[in-house]
N, C-alpha and C. Protein backbone atom coordinates (compact mmCIF):
# COMPACT_ATOMS: atom_id res chain seq x y z
N MET A 1 2.76 4.21 -36.79
CA MET A 1 1.74 4.78 -35.98
C MET A 1 2.27 5.13 -34.60
N ARG A 2 1.77 6.19 -33.96
CA ARG A 2 2.20 6.59 -32.59
C ARG A 2 1.34 5.91 -31.57
N GLY A 3 1.97 5.69 -30.39
CA GLY A 3 1.20 5.28 -29.23
C GLY A 3 0.23 4.15 -29.52
N ASN A 4 -0.98 4.38 -29.12
CA ASN A 4 -2.04 3.30 -29.26
C ASN A 4 -2.98 3.53 -30.47
N GLU A 5 -2.50 4.35 -31.42
CA GLU A 5 -3.32 4.58 -32.57
C GLU A 5 -3.77 3.33 -33.30
N GLU A 6 -2.86 2.32 -33.40
CA GLU A 6 -3.32 1.11 -34.07
C GLU A 6 -4.37 0.38 -33.30
N LEU A 7 -4.20 0.33 -31.97
CA LEU A 7 -5.31 -0.25 -31.14
C LEU A 7 -6.57 0.52 -31.28
N LEU A 8 -6.53 1.79 -31.36
CA LEU A 8 -7.69 2.68 -31.42
C LEU A 8 -8.38 2.37 -32.73
N LEU A 9 -7.67 2.28 -33.85
CA LEU A 9 -8.26 2.01 -35.11
C LEU A 9 -8.98 0.63 -35.12
N LYS A 10 -8.27 -0.36 -34.53
CA LYS A 10 -8.86 -1.67 -34.44
C LYS A 10 -10.16 -1.67 -33.61
N ALA A 11 -10.17 -0.92 -32.47
CA ALA A 11 -11.31 -0.90 -31.63
C ALA A 11 -12.47 -0.15 -32.39
N ILE A 12 -12.20 0.87 -33.10
CA ILE A 12 -13.18 1.60 -33.88
C ILE A 12 -13.83 0.72 -34.87
N GLU A 13 -12.96 -0.03 -35.59
CA GLU A 13 -13.43 -1.06 -36.56
C GLU A 13 -14.40 -2.04 -36.02
N ASN A 14 -14.01 -2.65 -34.86
CA ASN A 14 -14.77 -3.61 -34.14
C ASN A 14 -16.12 -2.99 -33.68
N LEU A 15 -16.05 -1.77 -33.13
CA LEU A 15 -17.30 -1.11 -32.65
C LEU A 15 -18.24 -0.92 -33.82
N LYS A 16 -17.74 -0.47 -34.98
CA LYS A 16 -18.59 -0.26 -36.16
C LYS A 16 -19.18 -1.52 -36.66
N LYS A 17 -18.42 -2.61 -36.57
CA LYS A 17 -18.94 -3.92 -37.03
C LYS A 17 -20.08 -4.34 -36.16
N ASN A 18 -20.15 -3.90 -34.87
CA ASN A 18 -21.22 -4.18 -34.00
C ASN A 18 -22.33 -3.12 -34.01
N GLY A 19 -22.31 -2.32 -35.04
CA GLY A 19 -23.41 -1.37 -35.21
C GLY A 19 -23.33 -0.17 -34.36
N ILE A 20 -22.21 0.16 -33.76
CA ILE A 20 -21.97 1.31 -32.87
C ILE A 20 -21.44 2.49 -33.70
N ARG A 21 -22.12 3.61 -33.58
CA ARG A 21 -21.60 4.88 -34.21
C ARG A 21 -20.39 5.35 -33.41
N VAL A 22 -19.31 5.72 -34.09
CA VAL A 22 -18.10 6.14 -33.41
C VAL A 22 -17.73 7.54 -33.93
N TYR A 23 -17.54 8.44 -32.92
CA TYR A 23 -17.15 9.80 -33.22
C TYR A 23 -15.83 10.08 -32.53
N LEU A 24 -14.90 10.66 -33.29
CA LEU A 24 -13.62 11.08 -32.67
C LEU A 24 -13.62 12.61 -32.61
N THR A 25 -13.31 13.13 -31.38
CA THR A 25 -13.36 14.50 -31.17
C THR A 25 -12.03 14.94 -30.50
N LYS A 26 -11.65 16.17 -30.67
CA LYS A 26 -10.44 16.69 -30.02
C LYS A 26 -10.82 17.56 -28.80
N GLU A 27 -12.03 18.03 -28.79
CA GLU A 27 -12.45 18.96 -27.77
C GLU A 27 -13.65 18.40 -26.96
N LYS A 28 -13.63 18.70 -25.70
CA LYS A 28 -14.72 18.29 -24.71
C LYS A 28 -16.08 18.75 -25.21
N HIS A 29 -16.11 20.05 -25.55
CA HIS A 29 -17.52 20.64 -25.93
C HIS A 29 -18.02 19.96 -27.24
N GLU A 30 -17.10 19.51 -28.12
CA GLU A 30 -17.54 18.85 -29.31
C GLU A 30 -18.17 17.47 -28.93
N ALA A 31 -17.54 16.73 -28.08
CA ALA A 31 -18.10 15.43 -27.60
C ALA A 31 -19.48 15.58 -26.97
N LEU A 32 -19.53 16.62 -26.10
CA LEU A 32 -20.78 16.87 -25.43
C LEU A 32 -21.90 17.18 -26.34
N GLU A 33 -21.64 18.01 -27.36
CA GLU A 33 -22.67 18.36 -28.34
C GLU A 33 -23.11 17.18 -29.22
N ILE A 34 -22.17 16.32 -29.54
CA ILE A 34 -22.47 15.05 -30.25
C ILE A 34 -23.49 14.12 -29.34
N ILE A 35 -23.07 14.00 -28.14
CA ILE A 35 -23.91 13.25 -27.27
C ILE A 35 -25.33 13.81 -27.12
N LEU A 36 -25.40 15.15 -27.01
CA LEU A 36 -26.76 15.85 -26.86
C LEU A 36 -27.45 15.65 -28.20
N ASN A 37 -26.86 15.66 -29.29
CA ASN A 37 -27.49 15.48 -30.62
C ASN A 37 -28.01 14.02 -30.76
N GLU A 38 -27.25 13.09 -30.20
CA GLU A 38 -27.67 11.67 -30.29
C GLU A 38 -28.89 11.41 -29.39
N ILE A 39 -28.99 12.13 -28.32
CA ILE A 39 -30.05 11.96 -27.40
C ILE A 39 -31.34 12.42 -28.02
N GLY A 40 -31.30 13.39 -28.84
CA GLY A 40 -32.49 13.94 -29.45
C GLY A 40 -33.48 14.60 -28.56
N GLN A 41 -34.69 14.26 -28.59
CA GLN A 41 -35.75 14.89 -27.84
C GLN A 41 -35.93 14.19 -26.44
N GLU A 42 -35.28 13.21 -26.15
CA GLU A 42 -35.47 12.47 -24.90
C GLU A 42 -35.17 13.42 -23.67
N LYS A 43 -35.76 13.20 -22.64
CA LYS A 43 -35.58 14.02 -21.37
C LYS A 43 -35.13 13.23 -20.25
N LEU A 44 -35.23 11.91 -20.25
CA LEU A 44 -34.78 11.06 -19.15
C LEU A 44 -33.66 10.14 -19.59
N ILE A 45 -32.53 10.38 -18.96
CA ILE A 45 -31.30 9.59 -19.34
C ILE A 45 -30.87 8.75 -18.21
N VAL A 46 -30.66 7.49 -18.38
CA VAL A 46 -30.12 6.66 -17.33
C VAL A 46 -28.65 6.32 -17.70
N LYS A 47 -27.73 6.66 -16.83
CA LYS A 47 -26.28 6.62 -17.15
C LYS A 47 -25.52 5.73 -16.14
N SER A 48 -24.72 4.78 -16.75
CA SER A 48 -23.94 3.95 -15.87
C SER A 48 -22.59 4.68 -15.52
N LYS A 49 -21.93 4.08 -14.58
CA LYS A 49 -20.69 4.61 -14.08
C LYS A 49 -19.71 4.61 -15.23
N SER A 50 -18.99 5.75 -15.47
CA SER A 50 -18.03 5.81 -16.53
C SER A 50 -17.05 6.87 -16.23
N ASN A 51 -15.78 6.60 -16.25
CA ASN A 51 -14.75 7.58 -16.02
C ASN A 51 -14.76 8.64 -17.14
N VAL A 52 -15.01 8.22 -18.43
CA VAL A 52 -15.06 9.10 -19.47
C VAL A 52 -16.16 10.14 -19.27
N THR A 53 -17.35 9.70 -18.93
CA THR A 53 -18.42 10.67 -18.77
C THR A 53 -18.19 11.59 -17.56
N LYS A 54 -17.49 11.07 -16.53
CA LYS A 54 -17.09 11.89 -15.40
C LYS A 54 -16.12 13.00 -15.83
N GLU A 55 -15.06 12.62 -16.69
CA GLU A 55 -14.09 13.54 -17.17
C GLU A 55 -14.79 14.65 -18.02
N LEU A 56 -15.78 14.24 -18.76
CA LEU A 56 -16.52 15.22 -19.61
C LEU A 56 -17.51 16.01 -18.81
N GLU A 57 -17.76 15.63 -17.57
CA GLU A 57 -18.79 16.31 -16.79
C GLU A 57 -20.15 16.23 -17.48
N LEU A 58 -20.43 15.06 -18.09
CA LEU A 58 -21.59 14.90 -18.93
C LEU A 58 -22.87 15.09 -18.12
N THR A 59 -23.01 14.63 -16.92
CA THR A 59 -24.24 14.68 -16.13
C THR A 59 -24.58 16.17 -15.93
N LYS A 60 -23.58 16.98 -15.46
CA LYS A 60 -23.79 18.41 -15.23
C LYS A 60 -24.29 19.12 -16.52
N PHE A 61 -23.56 18.75 -17.69
CA PHE A 61 -23.95 19.37 -18.92
C PHE A 61 -25.35 19.01 -19.33
N LEU A 62 -25.76 17.78 -19.22
CA LEU A 62 -27.10 17.36 -19.69
C LEU A 62 -28.13 17.98 -18.73
N GLU A 63 -27.86 18.10 -17.40
CA GLU A 63 -28.79 18.72 -16.54
C GLU A 63 -29.00 20.17 -16.82
N LYS A 64 -27.89 20.88 -17.20
CA LYS A 64 -28.00 22.29 -17.48
C LYS A 64 -28.86 22.48 -18.85
N LYS A 65 -28.98 21.39 -19.63
CA LYS A 65 -29.78 21.46 -20.85
C LYS A 65 -31.19 20.98 -20.52
N GLY A 66 -31.50 20.78 -19.32
CA GLY A 66 -32.88 20.48 -18.85
C GLY A 66 -33.23 19.00 -18.89
N LEU A 67 -32.25 18.16 -19.04
CA LEU A 67 -32.53 16.71 -19.04
C LEU A 67 -32.43 16.13 -17.63
N VAL A 68 -33.05 15.06 -17.31
CA VAL A 68 -32.99 14.33 -16.08
C VAL A 68 -32.03 13.16 -16.24
N VAL A 69 -30.99 13.19 -15.47
CA VAL A 69 -29.96 12.11 -15.61
C VAL A 69 -29.98 11.28 -14.28
N ILE A 70 -30.16 9.99 -14.45
CA ILE A 70 -30.19 9.05 -13.33
C ILE A 70 -28.95 8.21 -13.35
N GLU A 71 -28.16 8.28 -12.30
CA GLU A 71 -26.98 7.38 -12.19
C GLU A 71 -27.39 6.02 -11.74
N THR A 72 -26.79 4.98 -12.33
CA THR A 72 -27.18 3.61 -11.97
C THR A 72 -26.33 3.02 -10.94
N ASP A 73 -25.10 3.54 -10.67
CA ASP A 73 -24.27 3.08 -9.61
C ASP A 73 -24.92 3.54 -8.28
N ILE A 74 -25.09 2.60 -7.32
CA ILE A 74 -25.82 2.86 -6.15
C ILE A 74 -25.14 4.07 -5.37
N GLY A 75 -23.87 4.05 -5.22
CA GLY A 75 -23.16 5.15 -4.52
C GLY A 75 -23.33 6.46 -5.24
N ASP A 76 -23.25 6.43 -6.56
CA ASP A 76 -23.33 7.69 -7.35
C ASP A 76 -24.77 8.18 -7.29
N ARG A 77 -25.81 7.24 -7.32
CA ARG A 77 -27.20 7.67 -7.17
C ARG A 77 -27.41 8.23 -5.78
N ILE A 78 -26.85 7.71 -4.77
CA ILE A 78 -27.06 8.28 -3.43
C ILE A 78 -26.51 9.68 -3.39
N LEU A 79 -25.26 9.87 -3.97
CA LEU A 79 -24.72 11.21 -4.05
C LEU A 79 -25.58 12.21 -4.75
N GLN A 80 -26.12 11.65 -5.86
CA GLN A 80 -27.01 12.52 -6.71
C GLN A 80 -28.25 12.90 -5.93
N VAL A 81 -28.93 11.95 -5.24
CA VAL A 81 -30.08 12.23 -4.44
C VAL A 81 -29.80 13.24 -3.34
N LEU A 82 -28.60 13.07 -2.65
CA LEU A 82 -28.24 13.96 -1.53
C LEU A 82 -27.59 15.21 -1.98
N ASP A 83 -27.31 15.32 -3.28
CA ASP A 83 -26.62 16.52 -3.83
C ASP A 83 -25.27 16.72 -3.08
N ALA A 84 -24.48 15.58 -2.95
CA ALA A 84 -23.28 15.51 -2.26
C ALA A 84 -22.13 15.24 -3.20
N LYS A 85 -20.93 15.50 -2.71
CA LYS A 85 -19.73 15.27 -3.49
C LYS A 85 -19.13 13.85 -3.11
N PRO A 86 -18.48 13.23 -4.03
CA PRO A 86 -17.88 11.87 -3.74
C PRO A 86 -16.63 12.04 -2.85
N SER A 87 -16.40 10.95 -2.03
CA SER A 87 -15.19 10.97 -1.25
C SER A 87 -14.03 10.27 -2.06
N HIS A 88 -14.41 9.34 -3.01
CA HIS A 88 -13.45 8.56 -3.72
C HIS A 88 -14.11 8.04 -4.91
N PRO A 89 -13.46 7.89 -6.13
CA PRO A 89 -14.16 7.36 -7.32
C PRO A 89 -14.69 5.92 -7.12
N THR A 90 -13.96 5.06 -6.30
CA THR A 90 -14.55 3.68 -6.17
C THR A 90 -15.34 3.45 -4.92
N GLY A 91 -15.40 4.51 -4.06
CA GLY A 91 -16.22 4.35 -2.82
C GLY A 91 -16.76 5.78 -2.56
N PRO A 92 -17.67 6.22 -3.50
CA PRO A 92 -18.14 7.59 -3.44
C PRO A 92 -18.84 8.10 -2.19
N VAL A 93 -19.43 7.10 -1.41
CA VAL A 93 -20.23 7.55 -0.29
C VAL A 93 -19.62 7.11 1.08
N THR A 94 -18.35 6.70 1.04
CA THR A 94 -17.71 6.16 2.23
C THR A 94 -17.58 7.18 3.33
N HIS A 95 -17.60 8.47 3.02
CA HIS A 95 -17.56 9.49 3.99
C HIS A 95 -18.89 9.80 4.67
N LEU A 96 -19.94 9.16 4.22
CA LEU A 96 -21.26 9.45 4.84
C LEU A 96 -21.68 8.29 5.74
N SER A 97 -22.25 8.55 6.77
CA SER A 97 -22.77 7.53 7.65
C SER A 97 -24.09 6.92 7.11
N ALA A 98 -24.39 5.72 7.50
CA ALA A 98 -25.67 5.17 7.10
C ALA A 98 -26.83 5.99 7.58
N LYS A 99 -26.67 6.54 8.83
CA LYS A 99 -27.71 7.39 9.35
C LYS A 99 -27.94 8.62 8.56
N ALA A 100 -26.85 9.26 8.13
CA ALA A 100 -26.96 10.51 7.25
C ALA A 100 -27.57 10.13 5.86
N ILE A 101 -27.21 9.04 5.36
CA ILE A 101 -27.75 8.61 4.05
C ILE A 101 -29.25 8.33 4.17
N ALA A 102 -29.62 7.54 5.25
CA ALA A 102 -31.03 7.23 5.42
C ALA A 102 -31.86 8.51 5.68
N LYS A 103 -31.33 9.40 6.38
CA LYS A 103 -32.06 10.69 6.65
C LYS A 103 -32.25 11.40 5.32
N GLY A 104 -31.19 11.54 4.51
CA GLY A 104 -31.33 12.23 3.30
C GLY A 104 -32.26 11.59 2.25
N ILE A 105 -32.09 10.24 2.12
CA ILE A 105 -32.95 9.63 1.06
C ILE A 105 -34.42 9.48 1.60
N SER A 106 -34.57 9.47 2.93
CA SER A 106 -35.95 9.47 3.47
C SER A 106 -36.67 10.75 3.04
N LYS A 107 -35.92 11.82 3.18
CA LYS A 107 -36.47 13.12 2.77
C LYS A 107 -36.77 13.22 1.22
N TYR A 108 -35.74 12.75 0.48
CA TYR A 108 -35.90 12.81 -0.98
C TYR A 108 -37.12 11.93 -1.50
N TYR A 109 -37.19 10.66 -0.99
CA TYR A 109 -38.19 9.78 -1.51
C TYR A 109 -39.55 9.93 -0.64
N ASN A 110 -39.51 10.77 0.41
CA ASN A 110 -40.65 11.01 1.27
C ASN A 110 -41.18 9.64 1.80
N LEU A 111 -40.20 8.83 2.24
CA LEU A 111 -40.47 7.56 2.92
C LEU A 111 -39.67 7.43 4.11
N PRO A 112 -40.12 6.79 5.12
CA PRO A 112 -39.26 6.51 6.33
C PRO A 112 -38.35 5.32 5.95
N ILE A 113 -37.06 5.53 5.96
CA ILE A 113 -36.03 4.55 5.56
C ILE A 113 -35.17 4.32 6.78
N ASN A 114 -35.04 3.17 7.25
CA ASN A 114 -34.14 2.89 8.41
C ASN A 114 -32.70 2.94 7.84
N GLU A 115 -31.71 3.00 8.75
CA GLU A 115 -30.40 3.21 8.39
C GLU A 115 -29.56 1.88 8.11
N THR A 116 -30.23 0.82 7.87
CA THR A 116 -29.47 -0.41 7.58
C THR A 116 -29.00 -0.33 6.11
N PRO A 117 -27.79 -0.75 5.79
CA PRO A 117 -27.33 -0.69 4.41
C PRO A 117 -28.28 -1.52 3.42
N GLU A 118 -28.84 -2.60 3.92
CA GLU A 118 -29.78 -3.34 3.04
C GLU A 118 -31.00 -2.57 2.68
N GLU A 119 -31.55 -1.84 3.61
CA GLU A 119 -32.73 -0.97 3.37
C GLU A 119 -32.43 0.12 2.38
N ILE A 120 -31.30 0.78 2.67
CA ILE A 120 -30.86 1.91 1.82
C ILE A 120 -30.66 1.37 0.35
N VAL A 121 -29.89 0.35 0.19
CA VAL A 121 -29.67 -0.24 -1.07
C VAL A 121 -30.92 -0.63 -1.78
N LYS A 122 -31.89 -1.27 -1.03
CA LYS A 122 -33.14 -1.73 -1.61
C LYS A 122 -33.87 -0.56 -2.19
N ILE A 123 -34.07 0.53 -1.44
CA ILE A 123 -34.82 1.73 -1.92
C ILE A 123 -34.12 2.32 -3.12
N VAL A 124 -32.90 2.53 -3.04
CA VAL A 124 -32.17 3.16 -4.14
C VAL A 124 -32.22 2.33 -5.45
N LYS A 125 -32.03 1.01 -5.23
CA LYS A 125 -32.01 0.14 -6.34
C LYS A 125 -33.47 0.12 -7.02
N GLU A 126 -34.53 0.12 -6.21
CA GLU A 126 -35.87 0.12 -6.77
C GLU A 126 -36.07 1.47 -7.57
N ASP A 127 -35.57 2.55 -7.14
CA ASP A 127 -35.59 3.79 -7.85
C ASP A 127 -34.86 3.70 -9.18
N ILE A 128 -33.71 3.11 -9.18
CA ILE A 128 -32.89 3.02 -10.37
C ILE A 128 -33.59 2.13 -11.43
N ILE A 129 -34.17 1.03 -10.94
CA ILE A 129 -34.82 0.09 -11.79
C ILE A 129 -36.09 0.73 -12.38
N SER A 130 -36.84 1.44 -11.59
CA SER A 130 -38.02 2.18 -11.99
C SER A 130 -37.67 3.20 -13.13
N ASN A 131 -36.60 3.88 -12.96
CA ASN A 131 -36.14 4.84 -14.03
C ASN A 131 -35.61 4.20 -15.27
N LEU A 132 -34.93 3.02 -15.08
CA LEU A 132 -34.53 2.20 -16.33
C LEU A 132 -35.70 1.74 -17.09
N ASN A 133 -36.71 1.39 -16.39
CA ASN A 133 -37.96 0.96 -17.12
C ASN A 133 -38.68 2.14 -17.85
N LYS A 134 -38.49 3.33 -17.36
CA LYS A 134 -39.15 4.53 -17.98
C LYS A 134 -38.35 5.08 -19.17
N ALA A 135 -37.01 4.91 -19.10
CA ALA A 135 -36.12 5.57 -20.03
C ALA A 135 -36.01 4.95 -21.33
N SER A 136 -35.84 5.75 -22.38
CA SER A 136 -35.58 5.25 -23.73
C SER A 136 -34.08 5.25 -23.96
N ILE A 137 -33.31 5.99 -23.14
CA ILE A 137 -31.90 6.14 -23.42
C ILE A 137 -31.09 5.70 -22.20
N GLU A 138 -30.16 4.80 -22.41
CA GLU A 138 -29.29 4.33 -21.42
C GLU A 138 -27.87 4.65 -21.90
N LEU A 139 -27.17 5.48 -21.19
CA LEU A 139 -25.76 5.78 -21.57
C LEU A 139 -24.82 4.89 -20.79
N ARG A 140 -24.07 4.08 -21.48
CA ARG A 140 -23.11 3.30 -20.78
C ARG A 140 -21.82 3.23 -21.61
N GLU A 141 -20.79 3.07 -20.96
CA GLU A 141 -19.42 3.03 -21.55
C GLU A 141 -19.34 1.80 -22.42
N GLN A 142 -18.92 1.95 -23.66
CA GLN A 142 -18.77 0.81 -24.59
C GLN A 142 -17.50 0.08 -24.44
N MET A 143 -16.43 0.81 -24.06
CA MET A 143 -15.11 0.22 -23.95
C MET A 143 -14.59 0.47 -22.57
N ARG A 144 -13.99 -0.54 -21.98
CA ARG A 144 -13.48 -0.42 -20.62
C ARG A 144 -12.00 -0.66 -20.62
C-alpha cells in the first residue's frame, strides 16, 4: 500500500464500527453534494471549527443553497457576524480591536455591548448555545 492508505483503511473501519457513515471522494464538489444530501431538509446547521470544511469552503456552499450556518468557534462566529475575513487560522480576529468587535456585534445583535473581551465572549457564546439548542444538525470533524 502507498502512503497512508493502510491507516486510512483502519480509520474507516473504526469509524464504521462506531456507526459513522464514511464516503470517499476524489472531487470537492462530490464531497459537498454528499454533505448536502446528508443534511436533507434541515435549514439550520451548527458547524465546529474544521480545516477540512474550510478547505471545502463548506459554509459558503451551504449558505448559497439557502442554509443558515452557525460557526461554534468564538473567533469564527465573530468573523461571521461581522462579515470579516480571518487574520490567521488559529487567531482569526486578532487584527480587530475589541472596540471594533463590540461595535459590530452591538449592531448585529441590536444590543449595547461594551468592549471588554469578557462581555464580547459572553454575548457570542450565548448566541452559539442558543443556535445549538435550535439545530438538529451539528457538523463536526470526526478525525483530527
